[in-house]
Amino acid sequence: MATKKTVRDIEVEGKRVLVRVDFNVPLDRTTGVITDNSRIRATLPTIKYLIDHKARVILCSHLGRPDGRVVEALRMAPVAEQLSQLINLPVSTVPDCIGPEVERAAGSLNNGDILLLENLRFHTGEEANDSSFAQALARLADIYVDDAFGTAHRAHASTVGVAKYLPAVAGFLMEKELEALSSILTNPEHPFSALLGGAKVSDKIDLMQNIFDEVDLLLVGGGMAATFLKVQGYEVGLSLVEADKQDLAHQILKTAEKNGVSLLLPTDAMVSDSISPQAAGEVVSIADIPPNKYLADIGPQTIELFSQQIRQCRTVFWNGPMGVYEIPQFARGTRVLVELLANLKATTIIGGGSTAEIVEEMKLTDKMTHVSTGGGASLRFLEGKSLPGVDVLLDKEQ
């Protein structure tokens, strides 16, 4: 990350600064109330820095999936209100994100003012990375700052296109994300373990292959464990097995062995007739999974096994729940391990998406070293792939 310029590296006083933030916050469908403001809080250091340095701040974000249409329930006004309360300053809004009226509003800002544009995805040009839409956004400002790590893996007009027309640098959240995730790939303190769960092996294969050179221990739970167990000859009942990924799973097991990486799978599991809130679960050994049941969570023996291993680690990366976390009776494996990570004297880095939501819901965010704000972006970065929204930012020497 040291190679990319940040807001510290440019003069912002008196300048109109277009800041791409990720204010795609969860809303209560009936009331429209924001149910989790952590993404807004995450951008406050950048916004405060710009205000303290007398910039004129123009914020832009998407919210939900309006698919290029104006959807009243997805307007940015509630976000502006929430931001105003958090930062204790007025935040003005406009009825669109481009056009003459918006240009007038941006042009009349004073030093230290904050303007939040309307939902970018009300225009099809945003997701299409349309050059005329990107130019219309660029006309609002003198400088572009990307502080939306959660959208950095997408080549949209507001993440990539606008950087062709304005000097582009990283915000503090973007910087923090890239530094935390880079540390896993280049300089983790050992022993280093990756705790991986979630539904599919296919979501994590590239990640596993990319961290083999650094990781000492891979702990695999969640639905994705079924494919690995199947490859080892176990009955996995009605659980999802990705038939086209069995060869890759087999290859990963062999590579782990060759590289001296311990790859641990569940030794027992909570199984159930169905994955529903009414379903009852029973604990069985991995060797005794009935053919008519689903794997719903890791079992108590596995929780203890994984816990023992994690306690010995100096760095832990976690992505993906250990079971069907949304259903309380199948959430124990995930909850116990999250609490363990929160109390661990080690570097703990949490992947974004549902993984970050679980930590936030358990009110343990502050206990972790770093909780990523980007699910897809953090996975892509740890897979060793480039992020379009990062590639377009100015290098330090430019």
Protein backbone atom coordinates (compact mmCIF):
# COMPACT_ATOMS: atom_id res chain seq x y z
CA MET A 1 0.00 0.00 0.00
CA ALA A 2 2.99 2.26 0.52
CA THR A 3 3.08 2.55 -3.28
CA LYS A 4 -0.27 4.42 -3.57
CA LYS A 5 -0.83 8.08 -2.72
CA THR A 6 -3.33 8.93 0.01
CA VAL A 7 -5.12 12.14 0.99
CA ARG A 8 -2.05 12.99 3.11
CA ASP A 9 0.03 13.32 -0.07
CA ILE A 10 -2.00 16.06 -1.77
CA GLU A 11 -3.05 19.62 -1.05
CA VAL A 12 -6.83 19.73 -0.40
CA GLU A 13 -7.45 23.20 1.06
CA GLY A 14 -10.13 25.04 -0.88
CA LYS A 15 -10.48 22.11 -3.29
CA ARG A 16 -13.68 20.25 -4.15
CA VAL A 17 -12.94 16.63 -3.27
CA LEU A 18 -15.14 13.85 -4.66
CA VAL A 19 -14.97 10.95 -2.19
CA ARG A 20 -16.27 7.52 -3.21
CA VAL A 21 -17.54 5.95 0.00
CA ASP A 22 -19.36 2.67 0.61
CA PHE A 23 -22.61 3.73 2.25
CA ASN A 24 -24.43 0.61 1.03
CA VAL A 25 -25.88 0.09 4.50
CA PRO A 26 -28.58 -2.41 5.52
CA LEU A 27 -32.06 -0.88 5.83
CA ASP A 28 -35.15 -2.12 7.66
CA ARG A 29 -37.57 -2.86 4.81
CA THR A 30 -40.66 -1.60 6.61
CA THR A 31 -39.29 1.52 8.32
CA GLY A 32 -36.34 2.44 6.07
CA VAL A 33 -34.20 2.82 9.20
CA ILE A 34 -30.47 2.00 8.95
CA THR A 35 -29.89 -1.16 11.00
CA ASP A 36 -26.06 -1.09 10.97
CA ASN A 37 -24.05 2.12 10.49
CA SER A 38 -20.57 0.55 10.68
CA ARG A 39 -19.80 1.39 7.03
CA ILE A 40 -20.58 5.04 7.66
CA ARG A 41 -18.44 5.08 10.83
CA ALA A 42 -15.55 3.49 8.91
CA THR A 43 -15.24 6.53 6.61
CA LEU A 44 -15.26 9.19 9.35
CA PRO A 45 -11.44 9.50 9.64
CA THR A 46 -11.15 10.46 5.95
CA ILE A 47 -14.10 12.88 6.05
CA LYS A 48 -12.84 14.53 9.25
CA TYR A 49 -9.33 14.90 7.81
CA LEU A 50 -10.69 16.64 4.72
CA ILE A 51 -12.85 19.00 6.79
CA ASP A 52 -9.95 19.79 9.16
CA HIS A 53 -7.82 20.62 6.10
CA LYS A 54 -10.50 22.97 4.71
CA ALA A 55 -11.61 20.84 1.75
CA ARG A 56 -15.09 21.01 0.20
CA VAL A 57 -16.33 17.44 0.57
CA ILE A 58 -18.59 15.77 -2.03
CA LEU A 59 -19.51 12.20 -1.06
CA CYS A 60 -20.89 9.63 -3.49
CA SER A 61 -22.10 6.06 -2.98
CA HIS A 62 -24.54 3.43 -4.20
CA LEU A 63 -27.28 1.97 -2.00
CA GLY A 64 -28.97 -1.35 -2.83
CA ARG A 65 -29.70 -2.55 -6.36
CA PRO A 66 -32.01 -0.03 -8.06
CA ASP A 67 -30.78 -1.23 -11.51
CA GLY A 68 -30.59 2.19 -13.12
CA ARG A 69 -34.03 3.38 -11.92
CA VAL A 70 -35.01 5.86 -9.21
CA VAL A 71 -36.27 3.83 -6.25
CA GLU A 72 -37.66 6.06 -3.51
CA ALA A 73 -36.80 3.57 -0.73
CA LEU A 74 -33.13 3.68 -1.81
CA ARG A 75 -32.57 7.44 -1.63
CA MET A 76 -29.53 8.66 0.32
CA ALA A 77 -31.38 11.07 2.65
CA PRO A 78 -31.45 8.67 5.67
CA VAL A 79 -27.70 8.09 5.19
CA ALA A 80 -27.05 11.85 5.16
CA GLU A 81 -29.04 12.19 8.38
CA GLN A 82 -27.09 9.36 10.05
CA LEU A 83 -23.73 10.78 8.91
CA SER A 84 -24.71 14.24 10.18
CA GLN A 85 -25.46 12.76 13.64
CA LEU A 86 -22.17 10.82 13.71
CA ILE A 87 -19.97 13.71 12.60
CA ASN A 88 -22.01 16.41 14.35
CA LEU A 89 -22.06 18.63 11.26
CA PRO A 90 -24.70 19.43 8.62
CA VAL A 91 -24.70 17.18 5.54
CA SER A 92 -26.58 18.56 2.55
CA THR A 93 -28.15 16.44 -0.22
CA VAL A 94 -29.17 16.92 -3.86
CA PRO A 95 -31.90 15.13 -5.87
CA ASP A 96 -29.39 13.58 -8.31
CA CYS A 97 -25.67 12.76 -8.56
CA ILE A 98 -24.93 14.51 -11.90
CA GLY A 99 -26.32 17.41 -13.93
CA PRO A 100 -26.50 21.24 -13.81
CA GLU A 101 -28.31 21.44 -10.45
CA VAL A 102 -25.74 19.17 -8.80
CA GLU A 103 -22.86 21.13 -10.40
CA ARG A 104 -24.29 24.37 -8.98
CA ALA A 105 -24.55 22.81 -5.50
CA ALA A 106 -20.98 21.49 -5.68
CA GLY A 107 -19.73 24.85 -6.98
CA SER A 108 -21.33 26.80 -4.11
CA LEU A 109 -19.73 24.73 -1.32
CA ASN A 110 -17.54 26.52 1.21
CA ASN A 111 -14.44 25.09 2.89
CA GLY A 112 -15.50 22.39 5.39
CA ASP A 113 -18.96 21.83 3.83
CA ILE A 114 -20.25 18.30 3.17
CA LEU A 115 -22.54 17.33 0.28
CA LEU A 116 -23.87 13.79 -0.24
CA LEU A 117 -24.91 13.00 -3.82
CA GLU A 118 -27.96 10.90 -4.67
CA ASN A 119 -27.63 7.13 -5.23
CA LEU A 120 -25.13 6.50 -8.05
CA ARG A 121 -26.97 3.38 -9.21
CA PHE A 122 -30.08 5.36 -10.13
CA HIS A 123 -28.10 5.74 -13.40
CA THR A 124 -27.22 2.76 -15.62
CA GLY A 125 -23.95 4.54 -16.46
CA GLU A 126 -22.52 3.76 -13.01
CA GLU A 127 -22.30 -0.04 -13.27
CA ALA A 128 -21.60 0.15 -17.01
CA ASN A 129 -18.54 2.38 -16.30
CA ASP A 130 -19.92 4.78 -18.90
CA SER A 131 -17.36 7.47 -19.76
CA SER A 132 -19.91 10.28 -20.10
CA PHE A 133 -21.33 9.46 -16.65
CA ALA A 134 -17.78 9.35 -15.20
CA GLN A 135 -17.02 12.73 -16.82
CA ALA A 136 -20.24 14.20 -15.36
CA LEU A 137 -19.11 13.09 -11.88
CA ALA A 138 -15.59 14.43 -12.46
CA ARG A 139 -16.97 17.88 -13.38
CA LEU A 140 -18.13 18.27 -9.78
CA ALA A 141 -14.63 18.20 -8.27
CA ASP A 142 -10.90 18.94 -8.46
CA ILE A 143 -9.65 15.76 -6.75
CA TYR A 144 -10.93 12.18 -6.42
CA VAL A 145 -10.50 10.09 -3.26
CA ASP A 146 -11.48 6.41 -3.16
CA ASP A 147 -12.37 5.28 0.35
CA ALA A 148 -14.76 2.50 -0.73
CA PHE A 149 -12.75 -0.70 -0.36
CA GLY A 150 -16.00 -2.71 -0.53
CA THR A 151 -16.43 -1.72 -4.19
CA ALA A 152 -12.75 -1.71 -5.22
CA HIS A 153 -13.13 -5.03 -7.05
CA ARG A 154 -15.74 -3.52 -9.39
CA ALA A 155 -14.83 -1.45 -12.46
CA HIS A 156 -17.64 1.10 -12.22
CA ALA A 157 -17.76 4.75 -13.26
CA SER A 158 -17.33 6.01 -9.68
CA THR A 159 -14.50 3.58 -8.81
CA VAL A 160 -12.47 3.48 -12.04
CA GLY A 161 -13.92 5.79 -14.72
CA VAL A 162 -13.68 9.04 -12.78
CA ALA A 163 -9.94 8.49 -12.11
CA LYS A 164 -9.25 9.15 -15.81
CA TYR A 165 -10.36 12.77 -15.37
CA LEU A 166 -9.19 13.68 -11.84
CA PRO A 167 -6.05 13.08 -9.75
CA ALA A 168 -7.00 9.95 -7.75
CA VAL A 169 -5.74 8.95 -4.28
CA ALA A 170 -6.76 6.59 -1.46
CA GLY A 171 -8.67 7.50 1.68
CA PHE A 172 -7.68 6.24 5.12
CA LEU A 173 -10.10 3.29 5.14
CA MET A 174 -8.77 2.10 1.77
CA GLU A 175 -5.21 2.46 3.10
CA LYS A 176 -6.04 0.58 6.32
CA GLU A 177 -7.74 -2.28 4.44
CA LEU A 178 -4.87 -2.79 2.01
CA GLU A 179 -2.22 -2.64 4.72
CA ALA A 180 -4.06 -5.14 6.96
CA LEU A 181 -4.70 -7.61 4.15
CA SER A 182 -1.22 -7.19 2.64
CA SER A 183 0.30 -8.14 6.00
CA ILE A 184 -1.26 -11.62 5.71
CA LEU A 185 0.26 -12.20 2.29
CA THR A 186 3.70 -10.79 2.92
CA ASN A 187 4.61 -10.72 6.59
CA PRO A 188 2.28 -12.62 8.96
CA GLU A 189 3.51 -13.48 12.43
CA HIS A 190 3.68 -17.27 12.75
CA PRO A 191 2.02 -19.61 13.48
CA PHE A 192 -0.56 -18.26 10.99
CA SER A 193 -3.92 -19.98 10.56
CA ALA A 194 -6.83 -19.41 8.19
CA LEU A 195 -10.28 -20.38 9.47
CA LEU A 196 -12.49 -20.88 6.43
CA GLY A 197 -16.20 -21.63 6.22
CA GLY A 198 -19.25 -20.69 4.19
CA ALA A 199 -21.27 -22.68 1.71
CA LYS A 200 -18.97 -23.33 -1.24
CA VAL A 201 -15.43 -24.56 -1.85
CA SER A 202 -15.43 -22.65 -5.15
CA ASP A 203 -15.57 -19.33 -3.25
CA LYS A 204 -12.36 -20.12 -1.36
CA ILE A 205 -10.18 -22.27 -3.66
CA ASP A 206 -8.16 -19.40 -5.15
CA LEU A 207 -7.63 -17.93 -1.67
CA MET A 208 -6.37 -21.25 -0.29
CA GLN A 209 -3.98 -21.71 -3.19
CA ASN A 210 -2.62 -18.17 -2.85
CA ILE A 211 -1.86 -18.32 0.88
CA PHE A 212 -0.20 -21.77 0.91
CA ASP A 213 3.28 -20.20 1.00
CA GLU A 214 2.48 -18.20 4.16
CA VAL A 215 -0.11 -20.18 6.15
CA ASP A 216 0.79 -22.88 8.69
CA LEU A 217 -2.71 -24.17 9.36
CA LEU A 218 -6.00 -24.33 7.44
CA LEU A 219 -9.18 -25.03 9.43
CA VAL A 220 -12.17 -25.83 7.22
CA GLY A 221 -15.79 -25.79 8.43
CA GLY A 222 -19.17 -24.73 7.08
CA GLY A 223 -20.85 -26.21 4.03
CA MET A 224 -17.59 -26.18 2.07
CA ALA A 225 -16.23 -28.94 4.35
CA ALA A 226 -18.68 -31.40 2.72
CA THR A 227 -16.76 -31.44 -0.58
CA PHE A 228 -13.46 -32.13 1.21
CA LEU A 229 -15.03 -34.87 3.35
CA LYS A 230 -16.59 -36.46 0.26
CA VAL A 231 -13.17 -36.56 -1.43
CA GLN A 232 -11.86 -38.41 1.63
CA GLY A 233 -14.57 -41.04 1.21
CA TYR A 234 -17.05 -39.91 3.89
CA GLU A 235 -20.83 -39.93 3.56
CA VAL A 236 -22.02 -36.31 3.70
CA GLY A 237 -25.77 -36.90 3.43
CA LEU A 238 -27.82 -34.26 1.62
CA SER A 239 -25.17 -31.54 1.96
CA LEU A 240 -24.06 -29.63 -1.11
CA VAL A 241 -21.07 -31.25 -2.77
CA GLU A 242 -19.59 -29.35 -5.69
CA ALA A 243 -18.97 -32.27 -8.02
CA ASP A 244 -16.90 -30.19 -10.43
CA LYS A 245 -14.61 -29.06 -7.58
CA GLN A 246 -13.78 -32.48 -6.12
CA ASP A 247 -10.56 -32.80 -8.12
CA LEU A 248 -9.47 -29.36 -6.93
CA ALA A 249 -10.34 -30.22 -3.33
CA HIS A 250 -8.25 -33.37 -3.66
CA GLN A 251 -5.40 -31.31 -5.11
CA ILE A 252 -5.60 -28.82 -2.20
CA LEU A 253 -5.35 -31.69 0.31
CA LYS A 254 -2.23 -32.97 -1.50
CA THR A 255 -0.67 -29.49 -1.79
CA ALA A 256 -1.24 -28.86 1.92
CA GLU A 257 0.54 -32.10 2.75
CA LYS A 258 3.41 -31.30 0.36
CA ASN A 259 3.82 -27.77 1.78
CA GLY A 260 3.72 -28.95 5.39
CA VAL A 261 0.43 -27.10 6.01
CA SER A 262 -1.95 -28.77 8.49
CA LEU A 263 -5.41 -28.87 6.90
CA LEU A 264 -8.00 -29.81 9.54
CA LEU A 265 -11.56 -30.86 8.71
CA PRO A 266 -14.43 -31.47 11.16
CA THR A 267 -14.26 -34.67 13.20
CA ASP A 268 -17.92 -34.41 14.25
CA ALA A 269 -20.92 -32.42 13.08
CA MET A 270 -24.38 -31.22 13.96
CA VAL A 271 -26.73 -32.82 11.40
CA SER A 272 -30.40 -32.16 10.73
CA ASP A 273 -33.35 -33.38 8.60
CA SER A 274 -33.80 -29.87 7.22
CA ILE A 275 -32.21 -26.42 7.31
CA SER A 276 -35.07 -24.49 8.90
CA PRO A 277 -35.70 -22.59 12.15
CA GLN A 278 -37.91 -25.44 13.40
CA ALA A 279 -35.31 -28.17 12.70
CA ALA A 280 -33.69 -30.12 15.50
CA GLY A 281 -30.05 -31.11 15.31
CA GLU A 282 -28.06 -34.07 16.57
CA VAL A 283 -24.32 -34.49 16.94
CA VAL A 284 -22.67 -37.39 15.10
CA SER A 285 -19.14 -38.41 14.25
CA ILE A 286 -18.02 -37.59 10.70
CA ALA A 287 -17.92 -41.35 10.09
CA ASP A 288 -21.63 -41.65 11.00
CA ILE A 289 -23.38 -38.96 8.95
CA PRO A 290 -26.79 -40.38 7.89
CA PRO A 291 -27.49 -40.26 4.12
CA ASN A 292 -30.81 -38.41 4.68
CA LYS A 293 -29.43 -35.50 6.76
CA TYR A 294 -27.68 -32.18 6.18
CA LEU A 295 -24.48 -30.93 7.79
CA ALA A 296 -25.68 -27.88 9.75
CA ASP A 297 -22.75 -26.96 12.02
CA ILE A 298 -19.44 -28.27 13.30
CA GLY A 299 -19.76 -30.44 16.41
CA PRO A 300 -18.40 -29.89 19.96
CA GLN A 301 -15.32 -32.09 19.39
CA THR A 302 -14.42 -30.05 16.30
CA ILE A 303 -15.01 -26.77 18.15
CA GLU A 304 -12.52 -27.94 20.80
CA LEU A 305 -10.01 -29.17 18.20
CA PHE A 306 -10.15 -25.91 16.22
CA SER A 307 -9.98 -23.85 19.45
CA GLN A 308 -6.85 -25.66 20.66
CA GLN A 309 -5.12 -24.99 17.35
CA ILE A 310 -6.18 -21.32 17.13
CA ARG A 311 -4.96 -20.59 20.68
CA GLN A 312 -1.41 -21.40 19.56
CA CYS A 313 -1.49 -18.93 16.63
CA ARG A 314 -0.06 -15.42 16.39
CA THR A 315 -2.07 -14.50 13.27
CA VAL A 316 -5.59 -15.69 12.36
CA PHE A 317 -7.62 -14.85 9.26
CA TRP A 318 -11.30 -15.83 9.34
CA ASN A 319 -13.78 -15.89 6.48
CA GLY A 320 -17.10 -17.75 6.44
CA PRO A 321 -19.35 -19.18 9.17
CA MET A 322 -18.86 -22.71 10.53
CA GLY A 323 -22.54 -23.61 10.14
CA VAL A 324 -25.93 -22.20 9.16
CA TYR A 325 -25.36 -19.18 11.37
CA GLU A 326 -28.77 -17.56 10.71
CA ILE A 327 -30.50 -20.40 12.60
CA PRO A 328 -29.65 -20.18 16.34
CA GLN A 329 -29.36 -23.92 16.96
CA PHE A 330 -26.76 -24.16 14.16
CA ALA A 331 -24.73 -21.07 15.17
CA ARG A 332 -22.75 -22.42 18.13
CA GLY A 333 -19.60 -23.37 16.20
CA THR A 334 -19.33 -19.91 14.68
CA ARG A 335 -20.14 -18.02 17.89
CA VAL A 336 -17.67 -19.92 20.07
CA LEU A 337 -14.81 -19.42 17.60
CA VAL A 338 -15.61 -15.71 17.11
CA GLU A 339 -15.52 -15.20 20.90
CA LEU A 340 -12.21 -17.05 21.01
CA LEU A 341 -10.74 -14.79 18.29
CA ALA A 342 -11.98 -11.69 20.14
CA ASN A 343 -10.02 -12.71 23.25
CA LEU A 344 -6.92 -13.98 21.47
CA LYS A 345 -3.57 -12.23 22.01
CA ALA A 346 -2.82 -12.34 18.29
CA THR A 347 -3.41 -10.46 15.05
CA THR A 348 -7.01 -11.27 14.06
CA ILE A 349 -8.18 -10.25 10.58
CA ILE A 350 -11.80 -10.79 9.61
CA GLY A 351 -12.99 -11.05 5.99
CA GLY A 352 -15.90 -8.79 5.04
CA GLY A 353 -19.46 -9.63 3.99
CA SER A 354 -21.45 -11.94 6.27
CA THR A 355 -18.29 -12.68 8.30
CA ALA A 356 -17.96 -9.01 9.29
CA GLU A 357 -21.73 -8.81 9.92
CA ILE A 358 -21.50 -11.66 12.45
CA VAL A 359 -18.70 -9.91 14.36
CA GLU A 360 -20.66 -6.64 14.29
CA GLU A 361 -23.84 -8.38 15.48
CA MET A 362 -21.90 -9.97 18.37
CA LYS A 363 -20.51 -6.48 19.19
CA LEU A 364 -16.93 -7.74 18.99
CA THR A 365 -15.61 -5.53 16.16
CA ASP A 366 -13.41 -3.50 18.52
CA LYS A 367 -11.83 -6.70 19.87
CA MET A 368 -10.45 -7.71 16.45
CA THR A 369 -7.28 -6.30 14.89
CA HIS A 370 -9.09 -5.59 11.62
CA VAL A 371 -12.60 -6.28 10.32
CA SER A 372 -12.76 -5.77 6.56
CA THR A 373 -15.57 -3.69 5.08
CA GLY A 374 -15.39 -5.57 1.76
CA GLY A 375 -16.38 -9.22 1.33
CA GLY A 376 -15.76 -9.72 -2.38
CA ALA A 377 -12.90 -7.21 -2.42
CA SER A 378 -11.03 -8.79 0.49
CA LEU A 379 -11.35 -12.29 -1.02
CA ARG A 380 -10.17 -11.09 -4.42
CA PHE A 381 -7.21 -9.28 -2.89
CA LEU A 382 -6.19 -12.35 -0.86
CA GLU A 383 -6.52 -14.48 -4.00
CA GLY A 384 -3.66 -12.38 -5.39
CA LYS A 385 -5.84 -10.67 -7.99
CA SER A 386 -5.71 -6.96 -8.74
CA LEU A 387 -8.51 -4.59 -7.68
CA PRO A 388 -9.55 -2.17 -10.47
CA GLY A 389 -10.43 0.54 -7.93
CA VAL A 390 -6.91 0.37 -6.46
CA ASP A 391 -5.02 0.05 -9.74
CA VAL A 392 -6.25 3.48 -10.95
CA LEU A 393 -4.97 5.38 -7.90
CA LEU A 394 -1.80 7.45 -8.27
CA ASP A 395 1.48 5.82 -7.27
CA LYS A 396 3.63 7.63 -4.70
CA GLU A 397 6.22 8.62 -7.29
CA GLN A 398 3.65 10.08 -9.72
